[in-house]
Amino acid sequence: MSTAKDLQSLGDREIVELAKAGKEAAYRELLRRYERPVFSLVYRMVRDRTLAEDLAQETFVKVLNALESYRPEYKFSSWIFKIANNAAIDQLRRRELDTLSLDGSPDARTADEVEATALQAADHGESPLEELESRETGSAIERAIGRLRPEYRTCILLRHVEGRSYEEIAEVMDLPLGTVKTYIHRARLELREYLADLRT
């Protein structure tokens, strides 16, 4: 199996094995599969397109250099998101960035970049007024998530934006399952407090 089409039909673990064996096409397939999700996760954490691109690239360099250490009993997506998340959190701690995009990066150059960096809060069947209200609500949610400490923010993004299970989040963050559940519970309480004005 050497064509890109053939590789697309394989699972992550099989692609990783081919990449470990030095197959250049397998490296490219991993990049194709994860370039956008990794960029999206990192961008939602650091809220700077150029920085997110750098961190995503750094993530892939780390992934390719550490591929031999990947253990196939874990989901590859969890492993790569863990590396990306660690890079983003390290950056947040250094720079103390605290914003998140609802509508995508203000300097996104393509529709794909906007979509990859946007949180979806609106139902596309809404009237213009309902959509405006959703956007205002979304902006308030965006600001509230931006106020969370990085670990809570990661948990909320992985759970509610990426749709990851508690177990996957624990893997990504290298935390006990109970800690992840506690972080998500506390993050939700903080968000509820930050968003109390919306319910009045």
Protein backbone atom coordinates (compact mmCIF):
# COMPACT_ATOMS: atom_id res chain seq x y z
CA MET A 1 0.00 0.00 0.00
CA SER A 2 1.84 3.06 -1.17
CA THR A 3 -0.69 5.45 -2.67
CA ALA A 4 -2.27 8.24 -0.64
CA LYS A 5 -5.71 6.74 -1.36
CA ASP A 6 -4.61 3.36 0.04
CA LEU A 7 -3.23 5.02 3.17
CA GLN A 8 -6.49 6.89 3.77
CA SER A 9 -8.27 3.56 4.25
CA LEU A 10 -5.93 2.50 7.06
CA GLY A 11 -6.39 3.22 10.76
CA ASP A 12 -4.06 5.47 12.72
CA ARG A 13 -2.17 2.58 14.31
CA GLU A 14 -1.38 1.05 10.92
CA ILE A 15 -0.26 4.43 9.56
CA VAL A 16 1.99 4.93 12.59
CA GLU A 17 3.60 1.53 12.02
CA LEU A 18 4.33 2.47 8.40
CA ALA A 19 5.72 5.84 9.54
CA LYS A 20 7.95 4.08 12.08
CA ALA A 21 9.22 1.94 9.21
CA GLY A 22 10.29 5.15 7.46
CA LYS A 23 7.49 5.44 4.89
CA GLU A 24 7.39 9.13 3.93
CA ALA A 25 3.80 8.84 2.63
CA ALA A 26 2.68 7.63 6.07
CA TYR A 27 4.17 10.76 7.70
CA ARG A 28 2.27 12.89 5.20
CA GLU A 29 -0.96 11.00 5.92
CA LEU A 30 -0.63 11.63 9.68
CA LEU A 31 -0.04 15.30 8.94
CA ARG A 32 -3.07 15.39 6.63
CA ARG A 33 -5.29 13.79 9.28
CA TYR A 34 -4.20 15.87 12.24
CA GLU A 35 -2.93 19.19 10.90
CA ARG A 36 -6.31 20.91 11.14
CA PRO A 37 -7.55 19.41 14.47
CA VAL A 38 -4.18 20.15 16.13
CA PHE A 39 -4.12 23.71 14.80
CA SER A 40 -7.75 24.20 15.89
CA LEU A 41 -7.12 22.98 19.44
CA VAL A 42 -3.95 25.03 19.83
CA TYR A 43 -5.53 28.13 18.31
CA ARG A 44 -8.50 27.94 20.68
CA MET A 45 -6.03 27.88 23.54
CA VAL A 46 -3.62 30.67 22.49
CA ARG A 47 -5.87 32.81 20.21
CA ASP A 48 -3.06 33.90 17.91
CA ARG A 49 -2.89 32.44 14.39
CA THR A 50 0.86 32.79 13.86
CA LEU A 51 1.64 31.41 17.30
CA ALA A 52 -0.85 28.55 16.79
CA GLU A 53 0.80 27.68 13.47
CA ASP A 54 4.21 27.64 15.18
CA LEU A 55 2.92 25.50 18.05
CA ALA A 56 1.17 23.11 15.65
CA GLN A 57 4.41 22.75 13.67
CA GLU A 58 6.33 22.23 16.92
CA THR A 59 3.78 19.55 17.86
CA PHE A 60 4.33 17.65 14.61
CA VAL A 61 8.10 17.85 14.94
CA LYS A 62 7.80 16.41 18.47
CA VAL A 63 5.37 13.74 17.26
CA LEU A 64 7.64 12.61 14.43
CA ASN A 65 10.70 12.61 16.68
CA ALA A 66 8.88 10.66 19.40
CA LEU A 67 6.95 8.27 17.15
CA GLU A 68 8.97 5.29 18.41
CA SER A 69 7.71 5.99 21.94
CA TYR A 70 4.02 5.95 20.90
CA ARG A 71 2.26 3.03 22.58
CA PRO A 72 -0.49 1.55 20.37
CA GLU A 73 -2.72 0.63 23.32
CA TYR A 74 -3.57 4.36 23.46
CA LYS A 75 -5.49 6.24 20.79
CA PHE A 76 -3.10 8.11 18.52
CA SER A 77 -5.41 11.14 18.56
CA SER A 78 -5.17 11.33 22.36
CA TRP A 79 -1.37 11.09 22.18
CA ILE A 80 -1.02 13.85 19.60
CA PHE A 81 -3.56 16.11 21.36
CA LYS A 82 -1.61 15.63 24.59
CA ILE A 83 1.57 16.88 22.92
CA ALA A 84 -0.31 19.81 21.35
CA ASN A 85 -2.07 20.66 24.61
CA ASN A 86 1.20 20.64 26.56
CA ALA A 87 2.77 22.99 24.01
CA ALA A 88 -0.23 25.36 24.26
CA ILE A 89 -0.35 25.32 28.06
CA ASP A 90 3.39 25.95 28.29
CA GLN A 91 2.91 28.94 25.99
CA LEU A 92 -0.09 30.20 27.98
CA ARG A 93 1.89 30.04 31.18
CA ARG A 94 4.68 32.03 29.56
CA ARG A 95 2.49 34.61 27.87
CA GLU A 96 -0.69 34.47 29.99
CA LEU A 97 -2.95 34.71 26.96
CA ASP A 98 -6.57 34.47 27.90
CA THR A 99 -8.86 34.77 24.92
CA LEU A 100 -10.77 32.37 22.73
CA SER A 101 -12.46 32.84 19.39
CA LEU A 102 -16.13 32.26 18.66
CA ASP A 103 -16.07 33.51 15.07
CA GLY A 104 -12.56 32.35 14.17
CA SER A 105 -9.29 34.16 13.98
CA PRO A 106 -9.68 37.84 13.04
CA ASP A 107 -6.74 37.39 10.69
CA ALA A 108 -7.77 34.03 9.20
CA ARG A 109 -6.89 34.11 5.52
CA THR A 110 -9.22 31.41 4.24
CA ALA A 111 -12.70 30.09 4.97
CA ASP A 112 -11.08 26.86 6.20
CA GLU A 113 -8.99 28.80 8.74
CA VAL A 114 -12.08 30.65 9.97
CA GLU A 115 -13.99 27.38 10.34
CA ALA A 116 -11.07 25.59 11.98
CA THR A 117 -10.71 28.31 14.61
CA ALA A 118 -14.37 29.08 15.31
CA LEU A 119 -16.60 27.80 18.05
CA GLN A 120 -20.03 26.88 16.74
CA ALA A 121 -22.76 28.36 18.93
CA ALA A 122 -25.47 29.21 16.42
CA ASP A 123 -28.14 27.00 14.89
CA HIS A 124 -28.09 27.70 11.16
CA GLY A 125 -31.91 27.61 11.04
CA GLU A 126 -32.15 30.73 13.22
CA SER A 127 -33.67 34.04 12.21
CA PRO A 128 -31.25 37.03 11.95
CA LEU A 129 -32.37 38.25 15.39
CA GLU A 130 -31.91 34.81 16.95
CA GLU A 131 -28.52 34.53 15.29
CA LEU A 132 -27.50 37.93 16.68
CA GLU A 133 -28.62 36.85 20.16
CA SER A 134 -26.68 33.60 19.75
CA ARG A 135 -23.59 35.55 18.72
CA GLU A 136 -23.91 37.83 21.76
CA THR A 137 -24.34 34.79 23.99
CA GLY A 138 -21.43 33.11 22.22
CA SER A 139 -19.22 36.16 22.79
CA ALA A 140 -20.07 36.08 26.50
CA ILE A 141 -19.25 32.36 26.61
CA GLU A 142 -16.01 33.06 24.73
CA ARG A 143 -14.97 35.68 27.29
CA ALA A 144 -15.96 33.41 30.19
CA ILE A 145 -13.93 30.47 28.87
CA GLY A 146 -11.02 32.85 28.36
CA ARG A 147 -11.11 33.65 32.08
CA LEU A 148 -10.66 30.02 33.12
CA ARG A 149 -7.23 28.82 34.18
CA PRO A 150 -5.47 26.90 31.35
CA GLU A 151 -6.15 23.41 32.74
CA TYR A 152 -9.88 24.11 33.15
CA ARG A 153 -10.01 25.70 29.70
CA THR A 154 -8.38 22.64 28.13
CA CYS A 155 -10.89 20.33 29.82
CA ILE A 156 -13.87 22.43 28.67
CA LEU A 157 -12.56 22.71 25.09
CA LEU A 158 -11.78 19.02 24.80
CA ARG A 159 -15.10 17.98 26.32
CA HIS A 160 -17.54 20.48 24.79
CA VAL A 161 -15.81 21.60 21.59
CA GLU A 162 -13.84 18.51 20.56
CA GLY A 163 -16.42 16.10 22.04
CA ARG A 164 -13.79 13.98 23.80
CA SER A 165 -14.68 11.47 26.52
CA TYR A 166 -13.54 11.98 30.11
CA GLU A 167 -11.13 9.06 29.62
CA GLU A 168 -9.57 10.64 26.52
CA ILE A 169 -9.21 13.97 28.31
CA ALA A 170 -7.45 12.19 31.17
CA GLU A 171 -5.08 10.63 28.62
CA VAL A 172 -4.46 13.92 26.82
CA MET A 173 -3.79 15.83 30.02
CA ASP A 174 -1.99 12.99 31.79
CA LEU A 175 -4.28 13.33 34.79
CA PRO A 176 -6.33 10.86 36.83
CA LEU A 177 -9.92 10.49 35.63
CA GLY A 178 -11.24 11.88 38.93
CA THR A 179 -9.14 15.03 38.55
CA VAL A 180 -10.51 15.61 35.04
CA LYS A 181 -14.08 15.27 36.32
CA THR A 182 -13.29 17.68 39.15
CA TYR A 183 -11.73 20.21 36.75
CA ILE A 184 -14.73 20.06 34.44
CA HIS A 185 -17.14 20.41 37.37
CA ARG A 186 -15.23 23.41 38.75
CA ALA A 187 -14.90 24.96 35.29
CA ARG A 188 -18.67 24.66 34.76
CA LEU A 189 -19.31 26.28 38.15
CA GLU A 190 -16.98 29.15 37.26
CA LEU A 191 -18.60 29.55 33.84
CA ARG A 192 -22.06 29.56 35.44
CA GLU A 193 -20.89 32.32 37.79
CA TYR A 194 -19.30 34.34 34.96
CA LEU A 195 -22.44 33.97 32.84
CA ALA A 196 -24.97 34.66 35.59
CA ASP A 197 -25.94 37.99 33.99
CA LEU A 198 -27.16 36.19 30.85
CA ARG A 199 -29.89 34.44 32.83
CA THR A 200 -31.29 37.59 34.43
